[in-house]
Amino acid sequence: MNKRCFIIFDKKYKMITSKVTYMGALRTEATHLQSNTTIYTDAPKDNHGKGEMFSPTDLVATALASCMISVMGIVAMKEGITPVDGTTAEVTKVMYAEPRRIGEVHVKITFPKGKYSDKEKKMYEHAANTCPVAKSLHPDLKQVVEFIWQ
């Protein structure tokens, strides 16, 4: 049977973001269509994979931290406040069973040495905790965020 796939565009969805291809052996290739960059995923060792690359759930957890830091960078640019260049995030993903899912994501954000005012700290913490990825994840997923100001 020949199945046809129709892509419907509307005001919310202007263009396709990516194309994902199953490569076999529990691996995928994902190409970002705007930039033509590619990432690969592998199933984790605890779920029949080799764990040689990010797993799809690793990407979700990592996307949270990446979004947090990116939005803080936007705040710095817009507000002309102490920049966050060099800020790092350590991400720990905790999987739950039955159903298998991401249960917790722990993000430890460490800022480089700088003189951040209390107001700036509050602005950055608010930006991180309300970034689009944080607000898109299911409320049952526990997000534990720690801010380290050096």
C-alpha atoms as a PDB file:
ATOM      1  CA  MET A   1       0.000   0.000   0.000  1.00  0.00           C
ATOM      2  CA  ASN A   2       1.367   3.409  -0.923  1.00  0.00           C
ATOM      3  CA  LYS A   3       0.856   5.910   1.875  1.00  0.00           C
ATOM      4  CA  ARG A   4       1.099   9.618   1.250  1.00  0.00           C
ATOM      5  CA  CYS A   5       2.258  12.093   3.804  1.00  0.00           C
ATOM      6  CA  PHE A   6       0.965  15.643   3.658  1.00  0.00           C
ATOM      7  CA  ILE A   7       2.653  18.428   5.547  1.00  0.00           C
ATOM      8  CA  ILE A   8       0.315  21.230   6.466  1.00  0.00           C
ATOM      9  CA  PHE A   9       1.757  24.638   7.116  1.00  0.00           C
ATOM     10  CA  ASP A  10      -0.084  27.312   9.030  1.00  0.00           C
ATOM     11  CA  LYS A  11       0.769  30.495  10.895  1.00  0.00           C
ATOM     12  CA  LYS A  12       2.378  28.573  13.768  1.00  0.00           C
ATOM     13  CA  TYR A  13       4.424  26.118  11.710  1.00  0.00           C
ATOM     14  CA  LYS A  14       6.290  27.880   8.941  1.00  0.00           C
ATOM     15  CA  MET A  15       8.875  25.289   7.993  1.00  0.00           C
ATOM     16  CA  ILE A  16      10.119  21.845   8.848  1.00  0.00           C
ATOM     17  CA  THR A  17      12.802  21.953  11.541  1.00  0.00           C
ATOM     18  CA  SER A  18      14.615  18.695  10.978  1.00  0.00           C
ATOM     19  CA  LYS A  19      14.652  15.359   9.224  1.00  0.00           C
ATOM     20  CA  VAL A  20      15.370  12.247  11.263  1.00  0.00           C
ATOM     21  CA  THR A  21      16.420   8.978   9.614  1.00  0.00           C
ATOM     22  CA  TYR A  22      16.658   5.605  11.326  1.00  0.00           C
ATOM     23  CA  MET A  23      20.100   4.202  10.509  1.00  0.00           C
ATOM     24  CA  GLY A  24      19.543   0.743  11.998  1.00  0.00           C
ATOM     25  CA  ALA A  25      21.163  -0.678  15.123  1.00  0.00           C
ATOM     26  CA  LEU A  26      19.102   1.720  17.296  1.00  0.00           C
ATOM     27  CA  ARG A  27      20.752   4.826  15.821  1.00  0.00           C
ATOM     28  CA  THR A  28      19.313   7.897  14.147  1.00  0.00           C
ATOM     29  CA  GLU A  29      20.690  10.709  12.059  1.00  0.00           C
ATOM     30  CA  ALA A  30      19.005  14.081  12.570  1.00  0.00           C
ATOM     31  CA  THR A  31      19.654  16.929  10.171  1.00  0.00           C
ATOM     32  CA  HIS A  32      18.736  20.505  11.024  1.00  0.00           C
ATOM     33  CA  LEU A  33      17.369  21.718   7.713  1.00  0.00           C
ATOM     34  CA  GLN A  34      18.113  25.435   8.107  1.00  0.00           C
ATOM     35  CA  SER A  35      21.827  24.942   8.858  1.00  0.00           C
ATOM     36  CA  ASN A  36      22.339  21.461   7.394  1.00  0.00           C
ATOM     37  CA  THR A  37      24.117  20.360  10.577  1.00  0.00           C
ATOM     38  CA  THR A  38      23.750  16.762  11.670  1.00  0.00           C
ATOM     39  CA  ILE A  39      23.655  14.980  14.999  1.00  0.00           C
ATOM     40  CA  TYR A  40      23.428  11.273  15.676  1.00  0.00           C
ATOM     41  CA  THR A  41      21.759   9.399  18.489  1.00  0.00           C
ATOM     42  CA  ASP A  42      22.287   5.940  19.908  1.00  0.00           C
ATOM     43  CA  ALA A  43      20.122   4.031  22.336  1.00  0.00           C
ATOM     44  CA  PRO A  44      21.675   3.950  25.813  1.00  0.00           C
ATOM     45  CA  LYS A  45      23.414   0.840  27.135  1.00  0.00           C
ATOM     46  CA  ASP A  46      20.608   0.248  29.632  1.00  0.00           C
ATOM     47  CA  ASN A  47      18.080   0.112  26.781  1.00  0.00           C
ATOM     48  CA  HIS A  48      19.682  -2.220  24.210  1.00  0.00           C
ATOM     49  CA  GLY A  49      22.051   0.347  22.666  1.00  0.00           C
ATOM     50  CA  LYS A  50      25.770   0.919  22.623  1.00  0.00           C
ATOM     51  CA  GLY A  51      25.639   4.284  24.382  1.00  0.00           C
ATOM     52  CA  GLU A  52      28.279   5.678  22.042  1.00  0.00           C
ATOM     53  CA  MET A  53      26.411   8.932  21.347  1.00  0.00           C
ATOM     54  CA  PHE A  54      23.728  11.072  22.921  1.00  0.00           C
ATOM     55  CA  SER A  55      20.493   9.173  23.382  1.00  0.00           C
ATOM     56  CA  PRO A  56      17.241  10.928  22.511  1.00  0.00           C
ATOM     57  CA  THR A  57      16.535  11.416  26.217  1.00  0.00           C
ATOM     58  CA  ASP A  58      20.061  12.791  26.721  1.00  0.00           C
ATOM     59  CA  LEU A  59      19.228  15.390  24.078  1.00  0.00           C
ATOM     60  CA  VAL A  60      16.061  16.401  25.920  1.00  0.00           C
ATOM     61  CA  ALA A  61      17.971  16.907  29.178  1.00  0.00           C
ATOM     62  CA  THR A  62      20.811  18.694  27.402  1.00  0.00           C
ATOM     63  CA  ALA A  63      18.343  20.902  25.509  1.00  0.00           C
ATOM     64  CA  LEU A  64      17.014  22.128  28.848  1.00  0.00           C
ATOM     65  CA  ALA A  65      20.441  23.357  29.959  1.00  0.00           C
ATOM     66  CA  SER A  66      21.277  24.765  26.533  1.00  0.00           C
ATOM     67  CA  CYS A  67      18.008  26.691  26.450  1.00  0.00           C
ATOM     68  CA  MET A  68      18.560  28.050  29.958  1.00  0.00           C
ATOM     69  CA  ILE A  69      22.014  29.375  29.130  1.00  0.00           C
ATOM     70  CA  SER A  70      20.916  30.759  25.753  1.00  0.00           C
ATOM     71  CA  VAL A  71      17.999  32.670  27.277  1.00  0.00           C
ATOM     72  CA  MET A  72      20.312  34.092  29.949  1.00  0.00           C
ATOM     73  CA  GLY A  73      22.557  35.287  27.108  1.00  0.00           C
ATOM     74  CA  ILE A  74      19.560  37.007  25.521  1.00  0.00           C
ATOM     75  CA  VAL A  75      18.778  38.734  28.821  1.00  0.00           C
ATOM     76  CA  ALA A  76      22.380  39.941  29.079  1.00  0.00           C
ATOM     77  CA  MET A  77      22.258  41.364  25.539  1.00  0.00           C
ATOM     78  CA  LYS A  78      18.853  43.014  25.904  1.00  0.00           C
ATOM     79  CA  GLU A  79      19.491  44.486  29.340  1.00  0.00           C
ATOM     80  CA  GLY A  80      23.157  45.381  28.857  1.00  0.00           C
ATOM     81  CA  ILE A  81      24.083  43.640  32.101  1.00  0.00           C
ATOM     82  CA  THR A  82      27.049  41.501  33.149  1.00  0.00           C
ATOM     83  CA  PRO A  83      27.470  38.892  30.382  1.00  0.00           C
ATOM     84  CA  VAL A  84      27.266  35.169  31.010  1.00  0.00           C
ATOM     85  CA  ASP A  85      30.041  34.211  28.555  1.00  0.00           C
ATOM     86  CA  GLY A  86      31.847  31.135  29.856  1.00  0.00           C
ATOM     87  CA  THR A  87      28.878  29.937  31.918  1.00  0.00           C
ATOM     88  CA  THR A  88      28.682  26.142  32.025  1.00  0.00           C
ATOM     89  CA  ALA A  89      26.003  23.634  32.901  1.00  0.00           C
ATOM     90  CA  GLU A  90      26.385  20.081  34.155  1.00  0.00           C
ATOM     91  CA  VAL A  91      23.353  17.958  33.317  1.00  0.00           C
ATOM     92  CA  THR A  92      22.251  14.777  35.065  1.00  0.00           C
ATOM     93  CA  LYS A  93      19.306  12.862  33.659  1.00  0.00           C
ATOM     94  CA  VAL A  94      17.456  10.419  35.919  1.00  0.00           C
ATOM     95  CA  MET A  95      15.354   7.776  34.198  1.00  0.00           C
ATOM     96  CA  TYR A  96      12.247   6.300  35.809  1.00  0.00           C
ATOM     97  CA  ALA A  97      10.650   2.954  34.972  1.00  0.00           C
ATOM     98  CA  GLU A  98       7.103   1.893  34.171  1.00  0.00           C
ATOM     99  CA  PRO A  99       6.638   3.722  31.989  1.00  0.00           C
ATOM    100  CA  ARG A 100      10.244   4.339  31.020  1.00  0.00           C
ATOM    101  CA  ARG A 101      10.703   8.094  30.943  1.00  0.00           C
ATOM    102  CA  ILE A 102      12.872  10.960  32.084  1.00  0.00           C
ATOM    103  CA  GLY A 103      11.856  11.474  35.705  1.00  0.00           C
ATOM    104  CA  GLU A 104      14.312  14.164  36.727  1.00  0.00           C
ATOM    105  CA  VAL A 105      16.791  16.521  35.137  1.00  0.00           C
ATOM    106  CA  HIS A 106      19.378  18.126  37.399  1.00  0.00           C
ATOM    107  CA  VAL A 107      21.136  21.179  35.976  1.00  0.00           C
ATOM    108  CA  LYS A 108      24.063  22.773  37.798  1.00  0.00           C
ATOM    109  CA  ILE A 109      24.805  26.160  36.215  1.00  0.00           C
ATOM    110  CA  THR A 110      28.179  27.676  37.104  1.00  0.00           C
ATOM    111  CA  PHE A 111      28.881  31.282  36.243  1.00  0.00           C
ATOM    112  CA  PRO A 112      32.402  32.581  35.644  1.00  0.00           C
ATOM    113  CA  LYS A 113      33.892  34.972  38.152  1.00  0.00           C
ATOM    114  CA  GLY A 114      32.179  38.303  37.867  1.00  0.00           C
ATOM    115  CA  LYS A 115      30.419  40.933  39.855  1.00  0.00           C
ATOM    116  CA  TYR A 116      26.801  39.984  39.374  1.00  0.00           C
ATOM    117  CA  SER A 117      24.382  42.161  41.305  1.00  0.00           C
ATOM    118  CA  ASP A 118      21.541  40.562  43.244  1.00  0.00           C
ATOM    119  CA  LYS A 119      19.147  41.980  40.632  1.00  0.00           C
ATOM    120  CA  GLU A 120      21.141  40.383  37.789  1.00  0.00           C
ATOM    121  CA  LYS A 121      21.238  37.047  39.586  1.00  0.00           C
ATOM    122  CA  LYS A 122      17.453  37.105  39.994  1.00  0.00           C
ATOM    123  CA  MET A 123      17.014  38.029  36.321  1.00  0.00           C
ATOM    124  CA  TYR A 124      19.243  35.162  35.180  1.00  0.00           C
ATOM    125  CA  GLU A 125      17.632  32.625  37.489  1.00  0.00           C
ATOM    126  CA  HIS A 126      14.152  33.670  36.344  1.00  0.00           C
ATOM    127  CA  ALA A 127      15.209  33.464  32.683  1.00  0.00           C
ATOM    128  CA  ALA A 128      16.637  29.972  33.182  1.00  0.00           C
ATOM    129  CA  ASN A 129      13.616  28.648  35.058  1.00  0.00           C
ATOM    130  CA  THR A 130      11.157  30.029  32.508  1.00  0.00           C
ATOM    131  CA  CYS A 131      13.017  29.204  29.289  1.00  0.00           C
ATOM    132  CA  PRO A 132      10.932  27.667  26.487  1.00  0.00           C
ATOM    133  CA  VAL A 133      12.236  24.136  27.043  1.00  0.00           C
ATOM    134  CA  ALA A 134      11.603  24.310  30.799  1.00  0.00           C
ATOM    135  CA  LYS A 135       8.044  25.430  30.120  1.00  0.00           C
ATOM    136  CA  SER A 136       7.532  22.766  27.429  1.00  0.00           C
ATOM    137  CA  LEU A 137       8.449  19.756  29.553  1.00  0.00           C
ATOM    138  CA  HIS A 138       5.725  17.848  31.363  1.00  0.00           C
ATOM    139  CA  PRO A 139       5.092  19.134  34.894  1.00  0.00           C
ATOM    140  CA  ASP A 140       5.693  15.622  36.292  1.00  0.00           C
ATOM    141  CA  LEU A 141       9.318  15.858  35.150  1.00  0.00           C
ATOM    142  CA  LYS A 142      11.251  17.156  38.138  1.00  0.00           C
ATOM    143  CA  GLN A 143      13.628  19.990  37.171  1.00  0.00           C
ATOM    144  CA  VAL A 144      16.298  20.609  39.810  1.00  0.00           C
ATOM    145  CA  VAL A 145      18.368  23.690  39.019  1.00  0.00           C
ATOM    146  CA  GLU A 146      21.364  24.873  41.031  1.00  0.00           C
ATOM    147  CA  PHE A 147      23.062  28.212  40.367  1.00  0.00           C
ATOM    148  CA  ILE A 148      26.716  28.591  41.352  1.00  0.00           C
ATOM    149  CA  TRP A 149      27.968  32.172  41.508  1.00  0.00           C
ATOM    150  CA  GLN A 150      31.753  32.342  41.786  1.00  0.00           C
END
